[in-house]
């Protein structure tokens, strides 16, 4: 409910009659309301650490231990990983027994990721980012029952959290560099605000228009600085 602890209040509606209980179970249950009525996209999709974990799990690291190893099945590939013979993200060649034994260049991480997906979705042999996760969730709700789709979503959540932790990914203060363009962007914003204030003093705009203009100027500048910081990440 997105509530915190600073005095937030919420209403509790208790269905008492049999008809109300039936309606709550069949119509209002959260698992029956997982798609946006306006566009059919899922309301609940993996985010943040869940996306990070799935992304880490499905990326391939060039030169990783065991790269190029040929294995007879997905189970053999997982066993080799557990024994330390190959790395989680090493590209290996594995026979897909469920698809006629054809050879597939993939990684143990991608095999583990696909284990939580239903066979109806096929084998995702690619790097999984937020947009692909969203498409996977959409396909689950369209092809599976509500209960099965919810179970897949829960499995993706657990998988993402586990491998986000295993990846050890973190950001240090030293990773965030002040962009060289920041002073110029701030100067441009101040010049723009000076023009807005001058227009207000001359009576060309209202107080509300002045307020909106100043807010818009700083918001755009903030976005530009944020983009510059992101571009500076190695």
Protein backbone atom coordinates (compact mmCIF):
# COMPACT_ATOMS: atom_id res chain seq x y z
CA UNK A 1 0.00 0.00 0.00
CA UNK A 2 3.06 2.28 -0.10
CA UNK A 3 2.49 3.36 3.50
CA UNK A 4 5.26 4.64 5.75
CA UNK A 5 5.28 5.52 9.44
CA UNK A 6 4.53 9.24 9.59
CA UNK A 7 0.81 9.08 10.25
CA UNK A 8 -0.44 7.43 7.06
CA UNK A 9 -3.98 6.09 7.26
CA UNK A 10 -5.90 3.66 5.12
CA UNK A 11 -9.37 2.16 5.06
CA UNK A 12 -10.06 -1.53 5.63
CA UNK A 13 -13.13 -2.95 3.86
CA UNK A 14 -14.35 -6.27 5.25
CA UNK A 15 -16.71 -8.33 3.05
CA UNK A 16 -19.31 -9.80 5.38
CA UNK A 17 -22.06 -11.37 3.28
CA UNK A 18 -21.52 -14.49 1.18
CA UNK A 19 -22.05 -12.45 -2.00
CA UNK A 20 -19.45 -9.89 -0.90
CA UNK A 21 -16.95 -12.60 -0.02
CA UNK A 22 -17.53 -14.27 -3.40
CA UNK A 23 -17.04 -10.98 -5.25
CA UNK A 24 -13.87 -10.19 -3.31
CA UNK A 25 -12.43 -13.62 -4.10
CA UNK A 26 -13.38 -13.69 -7.80
CA UNK A 27 -13.15 -10.03 -8.82
CA UNK A 28 -11.03 -8.11 -6.33
CA UNK A 29 -8.31 -10.67 -5.61
CA UNK A 30 -4.90 -9.23 -6.52
CA UNK A 31 -3.97 -12.20 -8.71
CA UNK A 32 -7.02 -11.42 -10.87
CA UNK A 33 -6.02 -7.80 -11.38
CA UNK A 34 -2.45 -7.96 -12.63
CA UNK A 35 -2.94 -6.23 -16.00
CA UNK A 36 -3.69 -2.59 -16.71
CA UNK A 37 -7.22 -2.31 -18.15
CA UNK A 38 -6.11 0.59 -20.35
CA UNK A 39 -3.40 -1.23 -22.31
CA UNK A 40 -3.15 -4.82 -21.07
CA UNK A 41 0.40 -4.41 -19.76
CA UNK A 42 1.31 -6.03 -16.41
CA UNK A 43 0.97 -3.90 -13.29
CA UNK A 44 3.58 -5.91 -11.41
CA UNK A 45 6.97 -6.52 -13.06
CA UNK A 46 10.46 -7.16 -11.67
CA UNK A 47 12.35 -3.98 -10.77
CA UNK A 48 15.63 -2.78 -9.27
CA UNK A 49 17.61 -5.62 -7.64
CA UNK A 50 15.44 -8.25 -9.33
CA UNK A 51 16.38 -6.85 -12.76
CA UNK A 52 20.04 -6.57 -11.71
CA UNK A 53 20.14 -10.22 -10.64
CA UNK A 54 18.54 -11.52 -13.86
CA UNK A 55 20.80 -9.29 -15.94
CA UNK A 56 23.94 -10.52 -14.16
CA UNK A 57 22.81 -14.14 -14.45
CA UNK A 58 22.28 -13.97 -18.22
CA UNK A 59 25.30 -11.94 -19.32
CA UNK A 60 28.26 -13.74 -20.91
CA UNK A 61 31.76 -12.86 -19.71
CA UNK A 62 34.43 -13.27 -22.42
CA UNK A 63 37.39 -15.37 -21.32
CA UNK A 64 35.57 -16.86 -18.33
CA UNK A 65 36.71 -20.23 -17.00
CA UNK A 66 35.47 -23.11 -19.14
CA UNK A 67 34.65 -20.98 -22.19
CA UNK A 68 34.07 -23.15 -25.27
CA UNK A 69 33.43 -26.34 -23.31
CA UNK A 70 31.09 -28.80 -25.07
CA UNK A 71 28.54 -30.49 -22.81
CA UNK A 72 25.92 -33.15 -23.43
CA UNK A 73 22.95 -31.63 -21.61
CA UNK A 74 21.76 -28.78 -19.43
CA UNK A 75 22.08 -31.00 -16.37
CA UNK A 76 25.70 -31.79 -17.24
CA UNK A 77 26.40 -28.07 -17.66
CA UNK A 78 24.97 -27.30 -14.22
CA UNK A 79 26.96 -30.14 -12.68
CA UNK A 80 30.17 -28.83 -14.28
CA UNK A 81 29.43 -25.40 -12.79
CA UNK A 82 28.76 -26.84 -9.34
CA UNK A 83 32.06 -28.73 -9.51
CA UNK A 84 33.89 -25.52 -10.46
CA UNK A 85 34.84 -26.68 -13.96
CA UNK A 86 33.12 -23.78 -15.70
CA UNK A 87 32.08 -20.28 -14.72
CA UNK A 88 28.45 -19.23 -14.31
CA UNK A 89 28.76 -16.76 -17.20
CA UNK A 90 31.14 -18.64 -19.49
CA UNK A 91 29.86 -19.30 -23.01
CA UNK A 92 29.60 -23.04 -23.50
CA UNK A 93 28.10 -25.31 -26.14
CA UNK A 94 25.33 -27.54 -24.82
CA UNK A 95 22.98 -30.06 -26.43
CA UNK A 96 19.34 -29.09 -25.83
CA UNK A 97 17.72 -32.49 -25.33
CA UNK A 98 14.21 -30.99 -25.27
CA UNK A 99 14.69 -29.62 -28.79
CA UNK A 100 16.05 -32.62 -30.63
CA UNK A 101 19.54 -32.50 -29.19
CA UNK A 102 20.60 -29.46 -31.18
CA UNK A 103 23.71 -27.63 -30.00
CA UNK A 104 23.16 -24.29 -28.33
CA UNK A 105 25.78 -21.71 -27.43
CA UNK A 106 24.67 -20.45 -24.06
CA UNK A 107 25.79 -20.20 -20.42
CA UNK A 108 24.93 -21.96 -17.17
CA UNK A 109 23.42 -18.69 -15.95
CA UNK A 110 20.96 -18.65 -18.85
CA UNK A 111 20.11 -22.30 -18.24
CA UNK A 112 19.34 -21.51 -14.59
CA UNK A 113 17.25 -18.50 -15.61
CA UNK A 114 15.15 -20.53 -18.05
CA UNK A 115 14.43 -23.18 -15.42
CA UNK A 116 11.95 -20.83 -13.71
CA UNK A 117 10.10 -20.15 -16.99
CA UNK A 118 7.33 -22.38 -18.34
CA UNK A 119 8.14 -24.42 -21.45
CA UNK A 120 5.44 -22.51 -23.37
CA UNK A 121 7.73 -19.46 -23.49
CA UNK A 122 10.65 -21.30 -25.09
CA UNK A 123 14.33 -20.84 -24.26
CA UNK A 124 15.51 -17.25 -23.72
CA UNK A 125 19.12 -17.37 -24.89
CA UNK A 126 19.86 -13.67 -24.53
CA UNK A 127 20.78 -11.03 -21.99
CA UNK A 128 17.68 -10.32 -19.90
CA UNK A 129 17.06 -6.65 -19.14
CA UNK A 130 14.03 -4.81 -17.76
CA UNK A 131 12.18 -4.60 -21.08
CA UNK A 132 12.58 -8.33 -21.78
CA UNK A 133 11.45 -9.19 -18.23
CA UNK A 134 8.36 -7.09 -18.80
CA UNK A 135 7.63 -9.00 -22.02
CA UNK A 136 8.14 -12.32 -20.23
CA UNK A 137 5.67 -11.33 -17.51
CA UNK A 138 3.15 -10.18 -20.13
CA UNK A 139 3.45 -13.51 -21.97
CA UNK A 140 2.95 -15.39 -18.71
CA UNK A 141 -0.30 -13.59 -17.94
CA UNK A 142 -1.56 -14.13 -21.48
CA UNK A 143 -0.65 -17.83 -21.77
CA UNK A 144 -0.90 -19.19 -18.23
CA UNK A 145 -3.49 -19.27 -15.48
CA UNK A 146 -3.39 -16.49 -12.88
CA UNK A 147 -1.97 -18.85 -10.26
CA UNK A 148 0.78 -20.18 -12.56
CA UNK A 149 1.71 -16.68 -13.77
CA UNK A 150 1.93 -15.44 -10.17
CA UNK A 151 4.18 -18.41 -9.30
CA UNK A 152 6.53 -17.58 -12.22
CA UNK A 153 6.68 -13.94 -11.14
CA UNK A 154 7.51 -14.99 -7.58
CA UNK A 155 10.27 -17.30 -8.86
CA UNK A 156 11.75 -14.48 -10.96
CA UNK A 157 11.75 -12.29 -7.86
CA UNK A 158 13.63 -14.86 -5.78
CA UNK A 159 16.07 -15.60 -8.62
CA UNK A 160 16.79 -11.92 -9.17
CA UNK A 161 17.40 -11.19 -5.50
CA UNK A 162 19.67 -14.23 -5.11
CA UNK A 163 21.94 -13.44 -8.04
CA UNK A 164 21.95 -9.70 -7.37
CA UNK A 165 23.43 -10.60 -3.98
CA UNK A 166 25.79 -13.15 -5.52
CA UNK A 167 27.05 -10.63 -8.07
CA UNK A 168 28.37 -8.34 -5.33
CA UNK A 169 27.51 -5.32 -7.47
CA UNK A 170 27.88 -2.01 -5.64
CA UNK A 171 28.58 1.65 -6.38
CA UNK A 172 31.27 3.65 -4.58
CA UNK A 173 31.45 7.43 -4.29
CA UNK A 174 34.54 7.33 -6.48
CA UNK A 175 32.44 5.87 -9.32
CA UNK A 176 30.34 9.03 -9.47
CA UNK A 177 32.31 11.81 -11.15
CA UNK A 178 31.13 15.42 -11.32
CA UNK A 179 30.58 16.01 -15.06
CA UNK A 180 32.64 18.75 -16.66
CA UNK A 181 29.49 20.16 -18.21
CA UNK A 182 27.83 20.84 -14.83
CA UNK A 183 29.04 24.47 -14.35
CA UNK A 184 27.89 25.39 -17.86
CA UNK A 185 24.50 23.73 -17.34
CA UNK A 186 24.00 25.59 -14.06
CA UNK A 187 24.98 28.86 -15.69
CA UNK A 188 22.49 28.29 -18.52
CA UNK A 189 19.75 27.50 -15.98
CA UNK A 190 20.47 30.68 -13.99
CA UNK A 191 20.38 32.76 -17.18
CA UNK A 192 17.06 31.19 -18.13
CA UNK A 193 15.63 31.92 -14.67
CA UNK A 194 16.88 35.52 -14.83
CA UNK A 195 14.93 35.95 -18.08
CA UNK A 196 11.80 34.50 -16.46
CA UNK A 197 12.11 36.83 -13.44
CA UNK A 198 12.63 39.81 -15.72
CA UNK A 199 9.46 38.90 -17.64
CA UNK A 200 7.58 38.67 -14.33
CA UNK A 201 8.80 42.11 -13.16
CA UNK A 202 7.67 43.60 -16.48
CA UNK A 203 4.23 42.07 -16.01
CA UNK A 204 4.49 39.79 -19.03
CA UNK A 205 3.79 36.59 -17.05
CA UNK A 206 1.82 35.74 -13.92
CA UNK A 207 3.20 34.52 -10.61
CA UNK A 208 2.05 30.96 -11.42
CA UNK A 209 3.75 31.10 -14.82
CA UNK A 210 6.95 32.33 -13.18
CA UNK A 211 6.84 29.52 -10.63
CA UNK A 212 6.23 26.88 -13.31
CA UNK A 213 8.99 28.26 -15.51
CA UNK A 214 11.56 28.20 -12.71
CA UNK A 215 10.62 24.65 -11.70
CA UNK A 216 10.78 23.47 -15.32
CA UNK A 217 14.20 25.08 -15.81
CA UNK A 218 15.70 23.37 -12.78
CA UNK A 219 14.07 20.03 -13.57
CA UNK A 220 15.48 20.04 -17.10
CA UNK A 221 18.92 20.99 -15.76
CA UNK A 222 18.76 18.20 -13.19
CA UNK A 223 17.90 15.69 -15.92
CA UNK A 224 20.79 16.88 -18.08
CA UNK A 225 23.27 16.59 -15.19
CA UNK A 226 21.91 13.13 -14.33
CA UNK A 227 22.39 12.01 -17.93
CA UNK A 228 25.94 13.39 -17.93
CA UNK A 229 26.76 11.45 -14.73
CA UNK A 230 25.31 8.26 -16.23
CA UNK A 231 27.36 8.72 -19.40
CA UNK A 232 30.52 9.04 -17.29
CA UNK A 233 30.07 5.61 -15.69
CA UNK A 234 32.73 3.15 -16.81
